[in-house]
Amino acid sequence: MRLTSRVKVPETKGEFATVRPADSDHHIEINWYEGQDYRSGDELDHIAFEIADLTAAPSELAKKGITPISNTRESKNSRCTYITDPSGIWKELYEKT
């Protein structure tokens, strides 16, 4: 694994880093926020998956009995929503914009 980016986020007093294996396009993002107590459901205890079409995702998920647990959020470079698996583990679905 190699570090591909590290970004400080002044608004949250935190930072995130992205690591990637040399032989893959997959990456892992690691988040840290100063002085924060982490609790289950804080959006920092999840795994994320990039998908091609976040607009179509809710209807496709509904067919499988899965309901998003958050509204779709939009940022400068992406859109995302969260679902949970049967164990309550958060999954982020995001689309690059």
PDB file of N, CA and C in Angstrom:
ATOM      1  N   MET A   1       0.854  -1.172   0.000  1.00  0.00           N
ATOM      2  CA  MET A   1       0.000   0.000   0.000  1.00  0.00           C
ATOM      3  C   MET A   1       0.900   1.234   0.000  1.00  0.00           C
ATOM      4  N   ARG A   2       0.417   2.223  -0.739  1.00  0.00           N
ATOM      5  CA  ARG A   2       1.159   3.482  -0.726  1.00  0.00           C
ATOM      6  C   ARG A   2       0.188   4.626  -0.488  1.00  0.00           C
ATOM      7  N   LEU A   3       0.663   5.640   0.186  1.00  0.00           N
ATOM      8  CA  LEU A   3      -0.127   6.831   0.460  1.00  0.00           C
ATOM      9  C   LEU A   3      -0.285   7.609  -0.838  1.00  0.00           C
ATOM     10  N   THR A   4      -1.535   7.868  -1.248  1.00  0.00           N
ATOM     11  CA  THR A   4      -1.757   8.613  -2.487  1.00  0.00           C
ATOM     12  C   THR A   4      -2.232  10.030  -2.233  1.00  0.00           C
ATOM     13  N   SER A   5      -2.810  10.277  -1.054  1.00  0.00           N
ATOM     14  CA  SER A   5      -3.184  11.647  -0.704  1.00  0.00           C
ATOM     15  C   SER A   5      -3.376  11.759   0.802  1.00  0.00           C
ATOM     16  N   ARG A   6      -3.204  12.963   1.297  1.00  0.00           N
ATOM     17  CA  ARG A   6      -3.448  13.261   2.703  1.00  0.00           C
ATOM     18  C   ARG A   6      -3.933  14.705   2.751  1.00  0.00           C
ATOM     19  N   VAL A   7      -5.124  14.916   3.294  1.00  0.00           N
ATOM     20  CA  VAL A   7      -5.758  16.233   3.246  1.00  0.00           C
ATOM     21  C   VAL A   7      -6.209  16.644   4.637  1.00  0.00           C
ATOM     22  N   LYS A   8      -5.808  17.838   5.059  1.00  0.00           N
ATOM     23  CA  LYS A   8      -6.292  18.411   6.318  1.00  0.00           C
ATOM     24  C   LYS A   8      -7.613  19.119   6.029  1.00  0.00           C
ATOM     25  N   VAL A   9      -8.568  18.977   6.966  1.00  0.00           N
ATOM     26  CA  VAL A   9      -9.887  19.586   6.818  1.00  0.00           C
ATOM     27  C   VAL A   9     -10.095  20.523   8.000  1.00  0.00           C
ATOM     28  N   PRO A  10      -9.752  21.802   7.833  1.00  0.00           N
ATOM     29  CA  PRO A  10      -9.829  22.746   8.947  1.00  0.00           C
ATOM     30  C   PRO A  10     -11.224  22.848   9.577  1.00  0.00           C
ATOM     31  N   GLU A  11     -12.269  22.723   8.754  1.00  0.00           N
ATOM     32  CA  GLU A  11     -13.632  22.867   9.257  1.00  0.00           C
ATOM     33  C   GLU A  11     -13.976  21.805  10.299  1.00  0.00           C
ATOM     34  N   THR A  12     -13.381  20.625  10.190  1.00  0.00           N
ATOM     35  CA  THR A  12     -13.685  19.532  11.122  1.00  0.00           C
ATOM     36  C   THR A  12     -12.523  19.242  12.079  1.00  0.00           C
ATOM     37  N   LYS A  13     -11.450  20.010  11.949  1.00  0.00           N
ATOM     38  CA  LYS A  13     -10.235  19.763  12.725  1.00  0.00           C
ATOM     39  C   LYS A  13      -9.760  18.323  12.530  1.00  0.00           C
ATOM     40  N   GLY A  14      -9.852  17.862  11.319  1.00  0.00           N
ATOM     41  CA  GLY A  14      -9.463  16.491  11.032  1.00  0.00           C
ATOM     42  C   GLY A  14      -8.657  16.394   9.761  1.00  0.00           C
ATOM     43  N   GLU A  15      -8.460  15.193   9.326  1.00  0.00           N
ATOM     44  CA  GLU A  15      -7.789  14.959   8.059  1.00  0.00           C
ATOM     45  C   GLU A  15      -8.158  13.572   7.554  1.00  0.00           C
ATOM     46  N   PHE A  16      -7.938  13.359   6.278  1.00  0.00           N
ATOM     47  CA  PHE A  16      -8.139  12.038   5.723  1.00  0.00           C
ATOM     48  C   PHE A  16      -6.986  11.712   4.794  1.00  0.00           C
ATOM     49  N   ALA A  17      -6.711  10.432   4.710  1.00  0.00           N
ATOM     50  CA  ALA A  17      -5.634   9.947   3.850  1.00  0.00           C
ATOM     51  C   ALA A  17      -6.183   8.830   2.987  1.00  0.00           C
ATOM     52  N   THR A  18      -5.640   8.714   1.794  1.00  0.00           N
ATOM     53  CA  THR A  18      -6.023   7.648   0.874  1.00  0.00           C
ATOM     54  C   THR A  18      -4.804   6.794   0.596  1.00  0.00           C
ATOM     55  N   VAL A  19      -4.976   5.482   0.729  1.00  0.00           N
ATOM     56  CA  VAL A  19      -3.910   4.538   0.410  1.00  0.00           C
ATOM     57  C   VAL A  19      -4.414   3.595  -0.670  1.00  0.00           C
ATOM     58  N   ARG A  20      -3.467   3.127  -1.497  1.00  0.00           N
ATOM     59  CA  ARG A  20      -3.827   2.297  -2.642  1.00  0.00           C
ATOM     60  C   ARG A  20      -2.726   1.274  -2.892  1.00  0.00           C
ATOM     61  N   PRO A  21      -3.105   0.032  -3.203  1.00  0.00           N
ATOM     62  CA  PRO A  21      -2.081  -0.945  -3.591  1.00  0.00           C
ATOM     63  C   PRO A  21      -1.477  -0.547  -4.943  1.00  0.00           C
ATOM     64  N   ALA A  22      -0.252  -0.901  -5.167  1.00  0.00           N
ATOM     65  CA  ALA A  22       0.425  -0.531  -6.415  1.00  0.00           C
ATOM     66  C   ALA A  22      -0.218  -1.181  -7.632  1.00  0.00           C
ATOM     67  N   ASP A  23      -0.839  -2.331  -7.456  1.00  0.00           N
ATOM     68  CA  ASP A  23      -1.370  -3.071  -8.601  1.00  0.00           C
ATOM     69  C   ASP A  23      -2.891  -3.017  -8.721  1.00  0.00           C
ATOM     70  N   SER A  24      -3.533  -1.970  -8.173  1.00  0.00           N
ATOM     71  CA  SER A  24      -4.987  -1.902  -8.191  1.00  0.00           C
ATOM     72  C   SER A  24      -5.480  -0.465  -8.251  1.00  0.00           C
ATOM     73  N   ASP A  25      -6.685  -0.281  -8.775  1.00  0.00           N
ATOM     74  CA  ASP A  25      -7.325   1.032  -8.763  1.00  0.00           C
ATOM     75  C   ASP A  25      -8.158   1.249  -7.505  1.00  0.00           C
ATOM     76  N   HIS A  26      -8.300   0.210  -6.676  1.00  0.00           N
ATOM     77  CA  HIS A  26      -9.066   0.330  -5.439  1.00  0.00           C
ATOM     78  C   HIS A  26      -8.263   1.134  -4.418  1.00  0.00           C
ATOM     79  N   HIS A  27      -8.984   1.813  -3.524  1.00  0.00           N
ATOM     80  CA  HIS A  27      -8.295   2.583  -2.492  1.00  0.00           C
ATOM     81  C   HIS A  27      -9.056   2.490  -1.180  1.00  0.00           C
ATOM     82  N   ILE A  28      -8.363   2.848  -0.122  1.00  0.00           N
ATOM     83  CA  ILE A  28      -8.941   2.916   1.213  1.00  0.00           C
ATOM     84  C   ILE A  28      -8.738   4.339   1.710  1.00  0.00           C
ATOM     85  N   GLU A  29      -9.817   4.927   2.217  1.00  0.00           N
ATOM     86  CA  GLU A  29      -9.734   6.258   2.802  1.00  0.00           C
ATOM     87  C   GLU A  29      -9.807   6.115   4.312  1.00  0.00           C
ATOM     88  N   ILE A  30      -8.887   6.746   5.006  1.00  0.00           N
ATOM     89  CA  ILE A  30      -8.815   6.688   6.460  1.00  0.00           C
ATOM     90  C   ILE A  30      -9.085   8.095   6.982  1.00  0.00           C
ATOM     91  N   ASN A  31     -10.047   8.217   7.899  1.00  0.00           N
ATOM     92  CA  ASN A  31     -10.438   9.516   8.460  1.00  0.00           C
ATOM     93  C   ASN A  31     -10.039   9.622   9.923  1.00  0.00           C
ATOM     94  N   TRP A  32      -9.708  10.835  10.338  1.00  0.00           N
ATOM     95  CA  TRP A  32      -9.410  11.116  11.738  1.00  0.00           C
ATOM     96  C   TRP A  32      -9.865  12.530  12.050  1.00  0.00           C
ATOM     97  N   TYR A  33     -10.524  12.714  13.218  1.00  0.00           N
ATOM     98  CA  TYR A  33     -10.994  14.025  13.640  1.00  0.00           C
ATOM     99  C   TYR A  33     -10.544  14.283  15.066  1.00  0.00           C
ATOM    100  N   GLU A  34      -9.849  15.369  15.270  1.00  0.00           N
ATOM    101  CA  GLU A  34      -9.293  15.729  16.573  1.00  0.00           C
ATOM    102  C   GLU A  34     -10.369  15.866  17.638  1.00  0.00           C
ATOM    103  N   GLY A  35     -10.139  15.236  18.769  1.00  0.00           N
ATOM    104  CA  GLY A  35     -11.012  15.408  19.926  1.00  0.00           C
ATOM    105  C   GLY A  35     -12.394  14.808  19.787  1.00  0.00           C
ATOM    106  N   GLN A  36     -12.621  13.946  18.819  1.00  0.00           N
ATOM    107  CA  GLN A  36     -13.954  13.385  18.627  1.00  0.00           C
ATOM    108  C   GLN A  36     -14.053  11.997  19.246  1.00  0.00           C
ATOM    109  N   ASP A  37     -15.133  11.768  19.986  1.00  0.00           N
ATOM    110  CA  ASP A  37     -15.436  10.431  20.473  1.00  0.00           C
ATOM    111  C   ASP A  37     -16.234   9.735  19.386  1.00  0.00           C
ATOM    112  N   TYR A  38     -15.791   8.577  18.965  1.00  0.00           N
ATOM    113  CA  TYR A  38     -16.456   7.868  17.885  1.00  0.00           C
ATOM    114  C   TYR A  38     -17.534   6.954  18.432  1.00  0.00           C
ATOM    115  N   ARG A  39     -18.688   6.967  17.771  1.00  0.00           N
ATOM    116  CA  ARG A  39     -19.814   6.119  18.124  1.00  0.00           C
ATOM    117  C   ARG A  39     -20.292   5.412  16.867  1.00  0.00           C
ATOM    118  N   SER A  40     -20.879   4.256  17.027  1.00  0.00           N
ATOM    119  CA  SER A  40     -21.451   3.551  15.890  1.00  0.00           C
ATOM    120  C   SER A  40     -22.483   4.450  15.216  1.00  0.00           C
ATOM    121  N   GLY A  41     -22.377   4.598  13.909  1.00  0.00           N
ATOM    122  CA  GLY A  41     -23.304   5.438  13.164  1.00  0.00           C
ATOM    123  C   GLY A  41     -22.799   6.838  12.914  1.00  0.00           C
ATOM    124  N   ASP A  42     -21.580   7.140  13.287  1.00  0.00           N
ATOM    125  CA  ASP A  42     -21.023   8.478  13.054  1.00  0.00           C
ATOM    126  C   ASP A  42     -20.498   8.646  11.633  1.00  0.00           C
ATOM    127  N   GLU A  43     -20.783   7.724  10.754  1.00  0.00           N
ATOM    128  CA  GLU A  43     -20.326   7.740   9.370  1.00  0.00           C
ATOM    129  C   GLU A  43     -18.839   7.460   9.240  1.00  0.00           C
ATOM    130  N   LEU A  44     -18.165   7.165  10.327  1.00  0.00           N
ATOM    131  CA  LEU A  44     -16.746   6.862  10.271  1.00  0.00           C
ATOM    132  C   LEU A  44     -16.496   5.375  10.503  1.00  0.00           C
ATOM    133  N   ASP A  45     -17.564   4.636  10.602  1.00  0.00           N
ATOM    134  CA  ASP A  45     -17.452   3.203  10.838  1.00  0.00           C
ATOM    135  C   ASP A  45     -18.123   2.457   9.689  1.00  0.00           C
ATOM    136  N   HIS A  46     -17.690   2.765   8.490  1.00  0.00           N
ATOM    137  CA  HIS A  46     -18.354   2.187   7.332  1.00  0.00           C
ATOM    138  C   HIS A  46     -17.366   1.912   6.207  1.00  0.00           C
ATOM    139  N   ILE A  47     -17.854   1.237   5.201  1.00  0.00           N
ATOM    140  CA  ILE A  47     -17.083   1.005   3.988  1.00  0.00           C
ATOM    141  C   ILE A  47     -17.854   1.679   2.855  1.00  0.00           C
ATOM    142  N   ALA A  48     -17.139   2.191   1.866  1.00  0.00           N
ATOM    143  CA  ALA A  48     -17.783   2.921   0.765  1.00  0.00           C
ATOM    144  C   ALA A  48     -17.557   2.208  -0.557  1.00  0.00           C
ATOM    145  N   PHE A  49     -18.560   2.315  -1.409  1.00  0.00           N
ATOM    146  CA  PHE A  49     -18.485   1.730  -2.738  1.00  0.00           C
ATOM    147  C   PHE A  49     -18.842   2.785  -3.766  1.00  0.00           C
ATOM    148  N   GLU A  50     -17.992   2.936  -4.767  1.00  0.00           N
ATOM    149  CA  GLU A  50     -18.311   3.852  -5.860  1.00  0.00           C
ATOM    150  C   GLU A  50     -19.263   3.141  -6.814  1.00  0.00           C
ATOM    151  N   ILE A  51     -20.342   3.828  -7.184  1.00  0.00           N
ATOM    152  CA  ILE A  51     -21.294   3.278  -8.136  1.00  0.00           C
ATOM    153  C   ILE A  51     -21.447   4.249  -9.297  1.00  0.00           C
ATOM    154  N   ALA A  52     -21.940   3.745 -10.401  1.00  0.00           N
ATOM    155  CA  ALA A  52     -22.034   4.560 -11.620  1.00  0.00           C
ATOM    156  C   ALA A  52     -23.196   5.536 -11.598  1.00  0.00           C
ATOM    157  N   ASP A  53     -24.327   5.175 -10.965  1.00  0.00           N
ATOM    158  CA  ASP A  53     -25.528   6.002 -11.047  1.00  0.00           C
ATOM    159  C   ASP A  53     -26.265   6.017  -9.711  1.00  0.00           C
ATOM    160  N   LEU A  54     -25.991   7.022  -8.915  1.00  0.00           N
ATOM    161  CA  LEU A  54     -26.625   7.124  -7.602  1.00  0.00           C
ATOM    162  C   LEU A  54     -28.107   7.463  -7.729  1.00  0.00           C
ATOM    163  N   THR A  55     -28.504   8.096  -8.807  1.00  0.00           N
ATOM    164  CA  THR A  55     -29.917   8.429  -9.007  1.00  0.00           C
ATOM    165  C   THR A  55     -30.762   7.170  -9.126  1.00  0.00           C
ATOM    166  N   ALA A  56     -30.254   6.154  -9.814  1.00  0.00           N
ATOM    167  CA  ALA A  56     -30.997   4.905  -9.999  1.00  0.00           C
ATOM    168  C   ALA A  56     -30.899   3.984  -8.786  1.00  0.00           C
ATOM    169  N   ALA A  57     -29.941   4.204  -7.920  1.00  0.00           N
ATOM    170  CA  ALA A  57     -29.691   3.277  -6.816  1.00  0.00           C
ATOM    171  C   ALA A  57     -30.875   3.076  -5.880  1.00  0.00           C
ATOM    172  N   PRO A  58     -31.597   4.118  -5.421  1.00  0.00           N
ATOM    173  CA  PRO A  58     -32.690   3.877  -4.470  1.00  0.00           C
ATOM    174  C   PRO A  58     -33.760   2.912  -4.989  1.00  0.00           C
ATOM    175  N   SER A  59     -34.152   3.028  -6.241  1.00  0.00           N
ATOM    176  CA  SER A  59     -35.179   2.118  -6.752  1.00  0.00           C
ATOM    177  C   SER A  59     -34.627   0.696  -6.897  1.00  0.00           C
ATOM    178  N   GLU A  60     -33.378   0.573  -7.291  1.00  0.00           N
ATOM    179  CA  GLU A  60     -32.763  -0.763  -7.384  1.00  0.00           C
ATOM    180  C   GLU A  60     -32.633  -1.401  -6.002  1.00  0.00           C
ATOM    181  N   LEU A  61     -32.254  -0.598  -5.024  1.00  0.00           N
ATOM    182  CA  LEU A  61     -32.127  -1.111  -3.653  1.00  0.00           C
ATOM    183  C   LEU A  61     -33.487  -1.491  -3.089  1.00  0.00           C
ATOM    184  N   ALA A  62     -34.511  -0.686  -3.362  1.00  0.00           N
ATOM    185  CA  ALA A  62     -35.863  -0.962  -2.856  1.00  0.00           C
ATOM    186  C   ALA A  62     -36.359  -2.319  -3.349  1.00  0.00           C
ATOM    187  N   LYS A  63     -36.005  -2.685  -4.577  1.00  0.00           N
ATOM    188  CA  LYS A  63     -36.395  -3.995  -5.115  1.00  0.00           C
ATOM    189  C   LYS A  63     -35.815  -5.134  -4.282  1.00  0.00           C
ATOM    190  N   LYS A  64     -34.711  -4.844  -3.597  1.00  0.00           N
ATOM    191  CA  LYS A  64     -34.038  -5.852  -2.767  1.00  0.00           C
ATOM    192  C   LYS A  64     -34.369  -5.677  -1.284  1.00  0.00           C
ATOM    193  N   GLY A  65     -35.301  -4.756  -0.978  1.00  0.00           N
ATOM    194  CA  GLY A  65     -35.703  -4.532   0.406  1.00  0.00           C
ATOM    195  C   GLY A  65     -34.749  -3.675   1.205  1.00  0.00           C
ATOM    196  N   ILE A  66     -33.909  -2.889   0.519  1.00  0.00           N
ATOM    197  CA  ILE A  66     -32.922  -2.042   1.190  1.00  0.00           C
ATOM    198  C   ILE A  66     -33.343  -0.579   1.062  1.00  0.00           C
ATOM    199  N   THR A  67     -33.413   0.105   2.193  1.00  0.00           N
ATOM    200  CA  THR A  67     -33.796   1.513   2.204  1.00  0.00           C
ATOM    201  C   THR A  67     -32.612   2.354   2.660  1.00  0.00           C
ATOM    202  N   PRO A  68     -32.278   3.412   1.927  1.00  0.00           N
ATOM    203  CA  PRO A  68     -31.201   4.297   2.396  1.00  0.00           C
ATOM    204  C   PRO A  68     -31.521   4.854   3.780  1.00  0.00           C
ATOM    205  N   ILE A  69     -30.492   5.068   4.603  1.00  0.00           N
ATOM    206  CA  ILE A  69     -30.684   5.602   5.954  1.00  0.00           C
ATOM    207  C   ILE A  69     -30.340   7.078   6.025  1.00  0.00           C
ATOM    208  N   SER A  70     -30.008   7.684   4.874  1.00  0.00           N
ATOM    209  CA  SER A  70     -29.732   9.109   4.844  1.00  0.00           C
ATOM    210  C   SER A  70     -30.232   9.674   3.522  1.00  0.00           C
ATOM    211  N   ASN A  71     -30.407  10.968   3.502  1.00  0.00           N
ATOM    212  CA  ASN A  71     -30.703  11.636   2.241  1.00  0.00           C
ATOM    213  C   ASN A  71     -29.442  11.647   1.397  1.00  0.00           C
ATOM    214  N   THR A  72     -29.603  11.822   0.104  1.00  0.00           N
ATOM    215  CA  THR A  72     -28.436  11.950  -0.762  1.00  0.00           C
ATOM    216  C   THR A  72     -27.761  13.279  -0.451  1.00  0.00           C
ATOM    217  N   ARG A  73     -26.466  13.220  -0.264  1.00  0.00           N
ATOM    218  CA  ARG A  73     -25.674  14.419   0.025  1.00  0.00           C
ATOM    219  C   ARG A  73     -24.821  14.741  -1.186  1.00  0.00           C
ATOM    220  N   GLU A  74     -24.662  16.002  -1.456  1.00  0.00           N
ATOM    221  CA  GLU A  74     -23.854  16.419  -2.598  1.00  0.00           C
ATOM    222  C   GLU A  74     -22.696  17.270  -2.121  1.00  0.00           C
ATOM    223  N   SER A  75     -21.528  17.021  -2.689  1.00  0.00           N
ATOM    224  CA  SER A  75     -20.349  17.836  -2.417  1.00  0.00           C
ATOM    225  C   SER A  75     -19.800  18.314  -3.757  1.00  0.00           C
ATOM    226  N   LYS A  76     -18.690  18.954  -3.702  1.00  0.00           N
ATOM    227  CA  LYS A  76     -18.083  19.497  -4.922  1.00  0.00           C
ATOM    228  C   LYS A  76     -17.791  18.410  -5.959  1.00  0.00           C
ATOM    229  N   ASN A  77     -17.348  17.242  -5.508  1.00  0.00           N
ATOM    230  CA  ASN A  77     -16.894  16.203  -6.438  1.00  0.00           C
ATOM    231  C   ASN A  77     -17.710  14.916  -6.428  1.00  0.00           C
ATOM    232  N   SER A  78     -18.724  14.818  -5.553  1.00  0.00           N
ATOM    233  CA  SER A  78     -19.446  13.550  -5.473  1.00  0.00           C
ATOM    234  C   SER A  78     -20.829  13.728  -4.862  1.00  0.00           C
ATOM    235  N   ARG A  79     -21.605  12.659  -4.955  1.00  0.00           N
ATOM    236  CA  ARG A  79     -22.903  12.537  -4.302  1.00  0.00           C
ATOM    237  C   ARG A  79     -22.877  11.211  -3.554  1.00  0.00           C
ATOM    238  N   CYS A  80     -23.535  11.145  -2.377  1.00  0.00           N
ATOM    239  CA  CYS A  80     -23.511   9.893  -1.634  1.00  0.00           C
ATOM    240  C   CYS A  80     -24.774   9.703  -0.823  1.00  0.00           C
ATOM    241  N   THR A  81     -25.012   8.455  -0.458  1.00  0.00           N
ATOM    242  CA  THR A  81     -26.049   8.081   0.488  1.00  0.00           C
ATOM    243  C   THR A  81     -25.529   6.888   1.276  1.00  0.00           C
ATOM    244  N   TYR A  82     -26.218   6.559   2.364  1.00  0.00           N
ATOM    245  CA  TYR A  82     -25.794   5.450   3.214  1.00  0.00           C
ATOM    246  C   TYR A  82     -26.912   4.431   3.339  1.00  0.00           C
ATOM    247  N   ILE A  83     -26.522   3.167   3.438  1.00  0.00           N
ATOM    248  CA  ILE A  83     -27.423   2.063   3.732  1.00  0.00           C
ATOM    249  C   ILE A  83     -26.785   1.271   4.865  1.00  0.00           C
ATOM    250  N   THR A  84     -27.536   0.331   5.445  1.00  0.00           N
ATOM    251  CA  THR A  84     -26.943  -0.575   6.431  1.00  0.00           C
ATOM    252  C   THR A  84     -27.120  -2.009   5.960  1.00  0.00           C
ATOM    253  N   ASP A  85     -26.209  -2.859   6.392  1.00  0.00           N
ATOM    254  CA  ASP A  85     -26.343  -4.283   6.089  1.00  0.00           C
ATOM    255  C   ASP A  85     -27.148  -4.924   7.227  1.00  0.00           C
ATOM    256  N   PRO A  86     -27.446  -6.214   7.138  1.00  0.00           N
ATOM    257  CA  PRO A  86     -28.247  -6.863   8.198  1.00  0.00           C
ATOM    258  C   PRO A  86     -27.626  -6.775   9.591  1.00  0.00           C
ATOM    259  N   SER A  87     -26.321  -6.554   9.687  1.00  0.00           N
ATOM    260  CA  SER A  87     -25.664  -6.423  10.992  1.00  0.00           C
ATOM    261  C   SER A  87     -25.634  -4.985  11.491  1.00  0.00           C
ATOM    262  N   GLY A  88     -26.176  -4.054  10.699  1.00  0.00           N
ATOM    263  CA  GLY A  88     -26.189  -2.649  11.098  1.00  0.00           C
ATOM    264  C   GLY A  88     -24.945  -1.880  10.696  1.00  0.00           C
ATOM    265  N   ILE A  89     -24.051  -2.493   9.930  1.00  0.00           N
ATOM    266  CA  ILE A  89     -22.829  -1.814   9.485  1.00  0.00           C
ATOM    267  C   ILE A  89     -23.180  -0.868   8.355  1.00  0.00           C
ATOM    268  N   TRP A  90     -22.717   0.358   8.465  1.00  0.00           N
ATOM    269  CA  TRP A  90     -22.999   1.371   7.450  1.00  0.00           C
ATOM    270  C   TRP A  90     -22.220   1.086   6.175  1.00  0.00           C
ATOM    271  N   LYS A  91     -22.860   1.300   5.051  1.00  0.00           N
ATOM    272  CA  LYS A  91     -22.243   1.220   3.721  1.00  0.00           C
ATOM    273  C   LYS A  91     -22.531   2.543   3.027  1.00  0.00           C
ATOM    274  N   GLU A  92     -21.504   3.164   2.489  1.00  0.00           N
ATOM    275  CA  GLU A  92     -21.677   4.404   1.739  1.00  0.00           C
ATOM    276  C   GLU A  92     -21.682   4.054   0.247  1.00  0.00           C
ATOM    277  N   LEU A  93     -22.655   4.597  -0.466  1.00  0.00           N
ATOM    278  CA  LEU A  93     -22.691   4.482  -1.922  1.00  0.00           C
ATOM    279  C   LEU A  93     -22.447   5.874  -2.463  1.00  0.00           C
ATOM    280  N   TYR A  94     -21.440   6.005  -3.313  1.00  0.00           N
ATOM    281  CA  TYR A  94     -21.151   7.341  -3.840  1.00  0.00           C
ATOM    282  C   TYR A  94     -20.905   7.302  -5.343  1.00  0.00           C
ATOM    283  N   GLU A  95     -21.162   8.444  -5.939  1.00  0.00           N
ATOM    284  CA  GLU A  95     -20.965   8.632  -7.367  1.00  0.00           C
ATOM    285  C   GLU A  95     -20.111   9.872  -7.556  1.00  0.00           C
ATOM    286  N   LYS A  96     -19.047   9.743  -8.303  1.00  0.00           N
ATOM    287  CA  LYS A  96     -18.230  10.922  -8.625  1.00  0.00           C
ATOM    288  C   LYS A  96     -19.007  11.791  -9.601  1.00  0.00           C
ATOM    289  N   THR A  97     -18.919  13.105  -9.408  1.00  0.00           N
ATOM    290  CA  THR A  97     -19.620  14.024 -10.322  1.00  0.00           C
ATOM    291  C   THR A  97     -18.655  14.853 -11.123  1.00  0.00           C
TER     292      THR A  97
END
